[in-house]
Amino acid sequence: MAIKQRSKSLASRDIALSDTKYQLSVLNNSGGQEALIPAFSTEIAKYDHFPLRPTNIDILQINLGRLCNMSCAHCHVDAGPDRKEIMTKEVMQQCLDVIERYKIPTFDITGGAPEMVPHFRWLVESATDLGATVIDRCNLTIIVANPKYHDLPEFFAKHNVHVISSLPYFSKTRTDSQRGDGVFDDSIIALKKLNDVGYGMPGTGLKLDLVYNPTGAFLPGDQASLEREFKSQLKRRFDVEFNSLFCITNIPISRFMEYLIESENYDEYMENLHGAFNPSTIDGLMCRNTISVDWKGYLYDCDFNQMLDLRVASKTQHIRDFDKEALEARDIVVNQHCFGCTAGAGSSCGGEIA
């Protein structure tokens, strides 16, 4: 069953799943019924990894907010045009101060559509000036959505931004079923514009990576095989090139949780995630070298914890009070959705991890 497009966010529809506490109650079977699967903490304890601890902080990932030009059915952020939460310039500056003080090498910008947030370009320029590697998680369609974004490829190239973009599949039908009518065509136009300025092309150093999310209640296939197929099909059909494909498992929260429940796939999906648990993924989990920052400046172990309002277990919980030593000594907050990152070959913002 394909995921159907949603026109509005959970929050604007004011349904039970818009409450993160309710989502957590679903994940933890808090209705009194027998638990579907063991606790994630119990599973990783078998391998001497509980409590889960960070290795170091190499990546500061900042989520500029929920505002987006699209409302994708799988979105774990519950982003959309009807969301108004965006990061202020003051909080952006606090993030930049942390990058400068601690020399954190990677500045990973996400959303929503981060490009829609005021001061986005100033933020990119400032982070680049500090010597950080800047990642922009771009939905591609924003490049063609409005004339004021048409020059984004040139802007990205000027500042050597690493562009990571979601493209669920190399066909119109499967992409539009997940992200909305016309998204595939607009994405191809945007990819061509990025190619035109050198992104994904040999010898330019301009990195363009794509993200594959399954279009239903199943785990992604082998990343290397999918990358070869994506490269072959996009080149043959559209003369589009890119560097790498990242396979990311759909995490059972927010609008993807809604899809799982409505399609009566939730129980089976959770059991499949647990059944595919791979202990060799634990060392590479993104929560171990990343700190996630929300639009208000609060800190989380990852973007998924952020969407469940599970803040870091540390005395420093806001970017203005950032204490790298304390954060690197924290216990990472885990819950049942973490089975999504440890299933099969694993899943992170950079794709497979095992």
Protein backbone atom coordinates (compact mmCIF):
# COMPACT_ATOMS: atom_id res chain seq x y z
CA MET A 1 0.00 0.00 0.00
CA ALA A 2 1.54 3.30 -1.06
CA ILE A 3 1.67 6.20 1.36
CA LYS A 4 -0.93 8.79 0.44
CA GLN A 5 -0.18 12.49 0.31
CA ARG A 6 -1.39 14.64 3.19
CA SER A 7 -2.39 18.24 2.59
CA LYS A 8 -2.15 19.29 6.23
CA SER A 9 0.09 18.56 9.20
CA LEU A 10 -0.97 16.55 12.23
CA ALA A 11 -0.76 19.73 14.29
CA SER A 12 -3.19 21.67 12.09
CA ARG A 13 -5.63 18.75 12.11
CA ASP A 14 -5.47 18.71 15.93
CA ILE A 15 -5.61 14.93 16.22
CA ALA A 16 -4.28 12.73 19.00
CA LEU A 17 -1.07 11.86 17.13
CA SER A 18 -0.09 15.53 17.04
CA ASP A 19 0.73 15.13 20.76
CA THR A 20 4.22 13.68 21.21
CA LYS A 21 3.20 12.14 24.54
CA TYR A 22 0.50 10.23 22.69
CA GLN A 23 3.02 9.04 20.10
CA LEU A 24 5.28 7.82 22.90
CA SER A 25 2.35 5.99 24.50
CA VAL A 26 1.75 4.18 21.19
CA LEU A 27 5.44 3.31 20.86
CA ASN A 28 5.52 1.93 24.38
CA ASN A 29 2.15 0.14 24.29
CA SER A 30 0.92 2.17 27.22
CA GLY A 31 -2.71 1.09 26.78
CA GLY A 32 -2.24 -1.89 29.07
CA GLN A 33 -1.84 -4.46 26.32
CA GLU A 34 1.11 -6.83 26.14
CA ALA A 35 4.19 -5.20 24.64
CA LEU A 36 4.73 -5.95 20.96
CA ILE A 37 8.50 -6.06 21.28
CA PRO A 38 11.09 -5.83 24.08
CA ALA A 39 12.36 -2.44 25.20
CA PHE A 40 15.15 -1.06 23.02
CA SER A 41 17.23 -0.49 26.15
CA THR A 42 16.90 -4.20 26.99
CA GLU A 43 18.02 -5.18 23.50
CA ILE A 44 21.18 -3.06 23.46
CA ALA A 45 22.00 -4.08 27.05
CA LYS A 46 22.59 -7.60 25.74
CA TYR A 47 25.61 -6.18 23.92
CA ASP A 48 26.89 -4.04 26.81
CA HIS A 49 25.64 -0.83 25.19
CA PHE A 50 23.20 0.39 27.83
CA PRO A 51 23.31 3.12 28.77
CA LEU A 52 24.21 4.22 25.25
CA ARG A 53 26.98 6.80 25.33
CA PRO A 54 28.31 9.32 22.79
CA THR A 55 31.75 9.01 21.29
CA ASN A 56 32.33 12.69 20.49
CA ILE A 57 30.46 15.60 18.93
CA ASP A 58 31.45 15.99 15.29
CA ILE A 59 28.13 17.27 13.91
CA LEU A 60 25.83 20.06 15.02
CA GLN A 61 22.53 19.45 13.23
CA ILE A 62 20.12 22.34 13.44
CA ASN A 63 16.48 22.08 12.50
CA LEU A 64 15.40 25.55 11.40
CA GLY A 65 11.74 24.74 11.92
CA ARG A 66 8.59 23.11 10.61
CA LEU A 67 7.84 25.50 7.73
CA CYS A 68 7.96 23.73 4.35
CA ASN A 69 6.55 24.17 0.86
CA MET A 70 5.43 20.52 0.92
CA SER A 71 3.53 18.22 3.27
CA CYS A 72 4.94 14.73 2.62
CA ALA A 73 3.04 11.76 3.99
CA HIS A 74 6.12 10.15 5.56
CA CYS A 75 7.45 13.34 7.21
CA HIS A 76 8.79 12.73 10.72
CA VAL A 77 8.96 16.49 11.29
CA ASP A 78 5.23 16.99 10.53
CA ALA A 79 6.35 19.94 8.41
CA GLY A 80 4.23 21.84 5.92
CA PRO A 81 3.09 25.21 4.58
CA ASP A 82 0.73 25.48 7.57
CA ARG A 83 3.54 25.33 10.14
CA LYS A 84 4.94 28.63 11.43
CA GLU A 85 7.72 27.49 13.78
CA ILE A 86 11.07 28.90 12.60
CA MET A 87 14.42 29.64 14.21
CA THR A 88 15.30 33.24 15.05
CA LYS A 89 18.55 34.90 14.07
CA GLU A 90 19.48 35.05 17.76
CA VAL A 91 19.33 31.27 18.13
CA MET A 92 21.20 30.86 14.82
CA GLN A 93 23.97 33.04 16.20
CA GLN A 94 24.14 30.89 19.33
CA CYS A 95 24.63 27.85 17.09
CA LEU A 96 27.41 29.64 15.21
CA ASP A 97 29.05 30.58 18.51
CA VAL A 98 29.19 26.88 19.45
CA ILE A 99 30.71 25.96 16.08
CA GLU A 100 33.36 28.65 16.53
CA ARG A 101 34.14 27.89 20.17
CA TYR A 102 34.41 24.11 19.88
CA LYS A 103 35.54 23.85 16.23
CA ILE A 104 32.77 21.36 15.46
CA PRO A 105 33.59 20.36 11.88
CA THR A 106 30.12 19.78 10.38
CA PHE A 107 27.13 22.12 10.42
CA ASP A 108 24.09 20.17 9.20
CA ILE A 109 21.04 22.31 8.35
CA THR A 110 17.61 20.73 8.05
CA GLY A 111 13.92 21.51 8.35
CA GLY A 112 11.13 21.75 7.01
CA ALA A 113 12.49 23.53 4.03
CA PRO A 114 15.37 25.39 5.72
CA GLU A 115 15.80 27.70 2.71
CA MET A 116 12.42 29.33 3.47
CA VAL A 117 13.56 30.55 6.89
CA PRO A 118 14.72 34.19 7.10
CA HIS A 119 18.50 34.55 7.54
CA PHE A 120 19.15 31.10 6.02
CA ARG A 121 21.70 32.48 3.56
CA TRP A 122 23.38 34.53 6.25
CA LEU A 123 23.62 31.39 8.38
CA VAL A 124 25.24 29.39 5.57
CA GLU A 125 27.71 32.18 4.78
CA SER A 126 28.61 32.62 8.45
CA ALA A 127 29.15 28.90 9.06
CA THR A 128 31.28 28.66 5.92
CA ASP A 129 33.37 31.62 7.09
CA LEU A 130 34.02 29.71 10.33
CA GLY A 131 35.49 26.84 8.31
CA ALA A 132 32.69 24.35 8.94
CA THR A 133 31.50 21.89 6.32
CA VAL A 134 27.92 22.99 5.67
CA ILE A 135 25.22 20.48 4.74
CA ASP A 136 21.84 21.60 3.45
CA ARG A 137 19.05 19.03 3.45
CA CYS A 138 17.09 20.35 0.50
CA ASN A 139 13.78 18.92 -0.72
CA LEU A 140 14.71 19.93 -4.32
CA THR A 141 11.26 21.34 -5.15
CA ILE A 142 12.04 24.54 -3.24
CA ILE A 143 14.52 25.41 -6.01
CA VAL A 144 11.70 25.68 -8.56
CA ALA A 145 8.87 26.66 -6.18
CA ASN A 146 9.35 30.42 -6.33
CA PRO A 147 11.61 32.80 -8.30
CA LYS A 148 13.35 33.93 -5.11
CA TYR A 149 14.80 30.42 -4.73
CA HIS A 150 15.84 29.92 -8.36
CA ASP A 151 19.43 30.97 -7.64
CA LEU A 152 19.92 28.47 -4.80
CA PRO A 153 22.14 26.18 -6.93
CA GLU A 154 24.53 29.08 -7.59
CA PHE A 155 24.42 30.11 -3.93
CA PHE A 156 25.16 26.57 -2.78
CA ALA A 157 28.04 26.25 -5.25
CA LYS A 158 29.56 29.58 -4.21
CA HIS A 159 29.79 28.38 -0.61
CA ASN A 160 30.61 24.74 -1.43
CA VAL A 161 27.52 23.54 0.44
CA HIS A 162 27.05 19.77 0.55
CA VAL A 163 23.52 19.26 -0.78
CA ILE A 164 21.55 16.22 0.41
CA SER A 165 18.13 15.80 -1.18
CA SER A 166 15.27 13.38 -0.80
CA LEU A 167 14.16 11.46 -3.87
CA PRO A 168 12.07 8.42 -2.91
CA TYR A 169 12.49 6.76 -6.29
CA PHE A 170 13.59 7.30 -9.88
CA SER A 171 10.00 7.09 -11.12
CA LYS A 172 7.20 9.64 -11.05
CA THR A 173 4.53 7.29 -9.70
CA ARG A 174 6.39 6.14 -6.60
CA THR A 175 7.83 9.56 -5.81
CA ASP A 176 4.55 11.45 -6.18
CA SER A 177 2.68 8.83 -4.14
CA GLN A 178 4.88 9.71 -1.17
CA ARG A 179 5.49 13.41 -1.68
CA GLY A 180 2.63 14.79 -3.77
CA ASP A 181 1.60 15.33 -7.38
CA GLY A 182 4.25 16.99 -9.54
CA VAL A 183 7.06 16.53 -7.05
CA PHE A 184 9.06 14.16 -9.23
CA ASP A 185 9.02 16.45 -12.27
CA ASP A 186 10.05 19.44 -10.16
CA SER A 187 12.79 17.37 -8.51
CA ILE A 188 14.27 16.43 -11.89
CA ILE A 189 14.27 20.09 -12.95
CA ALA A 190 16.05 21.00 -9.70
CA LEU A 191 18.60 18.20 -10.09
CA LYS A 192 19.42 19.40 -13.61
CA LYS A 193 19.94 22.92 -12.28
CA LEU A 194 22.30 21.58 -9.63
CA ASN A 195 24.17 19.54 -12.27
CA ASP A 196 24.44 22.67 -14.43
CA VAL A 197 26.51 24.46 -11.75
CA GLY A 198 28.67 21.38 -11.14
CA TYR A 199 26.87 19.46 -8.41
CA GLY A 200 27.34 15.72 -8.68
CA MET A 201 29.73 16.12 -11.58
CA PRO A 202 33.25 14.62 -11.65
CA GLY A 203 36.10 16.89 -10.60
CA THR A 204 34.02 19.77 -9.20
CA GLY A 205 34.10 18.85 -5.52
CA LEU A 206 30.44 19.89 -5.27
CA LYS A 207 28.66 17.04 -3.49
CA LEU A 208 25.08 16.14 -4.34
CA ASP A 209 23.71 13.12 -2.48
CA LEU A 210 20.20 11.69 -2.68
CA VAL A 211 18.11 10.11 0.07
CA TYR A 212 15.91 7.08 -0.52
CA ASN A 213 13.01 6.36 1.85
CA PRO A 214 10.79 3.32 1.24
CA THR A 215 7.32 4.21 -0.04
CA GLY A 216 5.58 1.81 2.32
CA ALA A 217 5.83 -0.29 5.47
CA PHE A 218 9.05 -2.07 4.60
CA LEU A 219 12.78 -1.69 5.13
CA PRO A 220 15.05 -0.22 2.45
CA GLY A 221 16.98 -2.57 0.19
CA ASP A 222 20.74 -2.81 -0.17
CA GLN A 223 22.16 0.70 -0.45
CA ALA A 224 24.94 -0.11 -2.93
CA SER A 225 22.55 -1.91 -5.28
CA LEU A 226 19.96 0.86 -5.09
CA GLU A 227 22.63 3.48 -5.72
CA ARG A 228 23.74 1.71 -8.89
CA GLU A 229 20.14 1.47 -10.08
CA PHE A 230 19.36 5.11 -9.27
CA LYS A 231 22.50 6.29 -11.07
CA SER A 232 21.78 4.19 -14.13
CA GLN A 233 18.11 5.13 -14.37
CA LEU A 234 18.49 8.85 -13.68
CA LYS A 235 21.37 9.14 -16.15
CA ARG A 236 19.62 7.16 -18.88
CA ARG A 237 16.19 8.73 -18.50
CA PHE A 238 17.01 12.31 -17.54
CA ASP A 239 20.79 12.80 -17.91
CA VAL A 240 20.99 13.53 -14.19
CA GLU A 241 24.06 12.72 -12.08
CA PHE A 242 24.72 12.64 -8.34
CA ASN A 243 27.40 11.39 -5.96
CA SER A 244 25.91 8.94 -3.43
CA LEU A 245 22.56 7.48 -2.41
CA PHE A 246 21.67 7.26 1.28
CA CYS A 247 19.06 4.69 2.34
CA ILE A 248 17.12 5.84 5.42
CA THR A 249 14.54 3.71 7.21
CA ASN A 250 11.20 5.37 7.86
CA ILE A 251 11.02 5.91 11.62
CA PRO A 252 7.61 5.07 13.17
CA ILE A 253 6.75 8.54 14.46
CA SER A 254 4.60 11.47 13.36
CA ARG A 255 2.95 11.19 9.93
CA PHE A 256 4.59 7.85 9.15
CA MET A 257 3.15 6.48 12.39
CA GLU A 258 -0.24 7.74 11.25
CA TYR A 259 0.16 5.91 7.94
CA LEU A 260 1.17 2.69 9.73
CA ILE A 261 -1.85 2.84 12.02
CA GLU A 262 -4.34 3.74 9.27
CA SER A 263 -3.04 0.98 6.97
CA GLU A 264 -3.06 -1.52 9.86
CA ASN A 265 0.67 -2.09 9.41
CA TYR A 266 1.93 -0.65 12.71
CA ASP A 267 2.27 -3.90 14.71
CA GLU A 268 3.89 -5.79 11.86
CA TYR A 269 6.28 -2.93 11.08
CA MET A 270 7.47 -2.69 14.69
CA GLU A 271 7.93 -6.45 14.85
CA ASN A 272 9.90 -6.34 11.59
CA LEU A 273 12.17 -3.60 12.94
CA HIS A 274 12.83 -5.62 16.07
CA GLY A 275 13.34 -8.82 14.08
CA ALA A 276 15.92 -7.06 11.90
CA PHE A 277 17.83 -5.62 14.89
CA ASN A 278 21.56 -5.63 14.06
CA PRO A 279 23.98 -5.07 16.97
CA SER A 280 26.76 -4.10 14.56
CA THR A 281 24.90 -0.85 13.85
CA ILE A 282 25.29 0.44 17.40
CA ASP A 283 28.81 1.81 17.00
CA GLY A 284 27.76 3.95 14.02
CA LEU A 285 24.51 5.41 15.34
CA MET A 286 24.25 9.11 14.53
CA CYS A 287 23.24 9.99 18.11
CA ARG A 288 26.78 9.08 19.16
CA ASN A 289 28.52 11.90 17.28
CA THR A 290 25.71 14.40 16.68
CA ILE A 291 23.79 16.98 18.68
CA SER A 292 20.42 18.08 17.29
CA VAL A 293 19.12 21.61 17.90
CA ASP A 294 15.46 22.58 17.53
CA TRP A 295 14.09 25.91 16.28
CA LYS A 296 13.95 27.23 19.86
CA GLY A 297 17.53 26.18 20.63
CA TYR A 298 16.87 23.10 22.76
CA LEU A 299 19.19 20.11 22.42
CA TYR A 300 18.45 16.49 21.51
CA ASP A 301 20.37 13.31 20.76
CA CYS A 302 18.96 13.18 17.22
CA ASP A 303 16.31 14.75 15.00
CA PHE A 304 13.89 11.90 15.77
CA ASN A 305 14.18 12.45 19.53
CA GLN A 306 13.63 16.12 18.80
CA MET A 307 10.29 15.35 17.15
CA LEU A 308 9.25 13.35 20.23
CA ASP A 309 10.33 16.14 22.63
CA LEU A 310 12.95 13.87 24.21
CA ARG A 311 15.66 16.35 25.22
CA VAL A 312 19.22 15.37 26.07
CA ALA A 313 19.83 13.92 29.52
CA SER A 314 22.34 16.58 30.51
CA LYS A 315 22.60 19.69 32.64
CA THR A 316 23.07 21.62 29.40
CA GLN A 317 19.80 21.48 27.45
CA HIS A 318 19.92 24.68 25.39
CA ILE A 319 22.37 25.88 22.79
CA ARG A 320 23.11 29.05 24.78
CA ASP A 321 24.44 26.87 27.64
CA PHE A 322 26.31 24.42 25.38
CA ASP A 323 28.89 22.43 27.36
CA LYS A 324 30.68 19.96 25.09
CA GLU A 325 32.34 18.08 27.94
CA ALA A 326 29.04 17.57 29.76
CA LEU A 327 27.24 16.53 26.59
CA GLU A 328 29.89 13.99 25.69
CA ALA A 329 29.46 12.46 29.16
CA ARG A 330 25.67 12.12 28.91
CA ASP A 331 23.54 9.00 28.56
CA ILE A 332 21.74 8.99 25.20
CA VAL A 333 17.95 8.92 25.51
CA VAL A 334 16.49 5.86 23.73
CA ASN A 335 12.99 4.58 23.06
CA GLN A 336 11.23 2.09 20.80
CA HIS A 337 11.61 4.19 17.63
CA CYS A 338 15.36 3.55 17.92
CA PHE A 339 14.77 0.10 16.44
CA GLY A 340 14.39 1.96 13.13
CA CYS A 341 18.03 3.04 13.18
CA THR A 342 19.35 -0.40 14.15
CA ALA A 343 17.35 -2.57 11.73
CA GLY A 344 19.13 -4.36 8.91
CA ALA A 345 22.14 -2.38 7.70
CA GLY A 346 21.18 0.46 10.01
CA SER A 347 20.00 3.97 9.27
CA SER A 348 21.42 7.41 9.87
CA CYS A 349 21.34 10.82 8.22
CA GLY A 350 24.22 9.48 6.12
CA GLY A 351 22.50 6.25 5.12
CA GLU A 352 23.59 2.71 6.02
CA ILE A 353 25.92 2.28 8.98
CA ALA A 354 26.77 -1.44 8.97
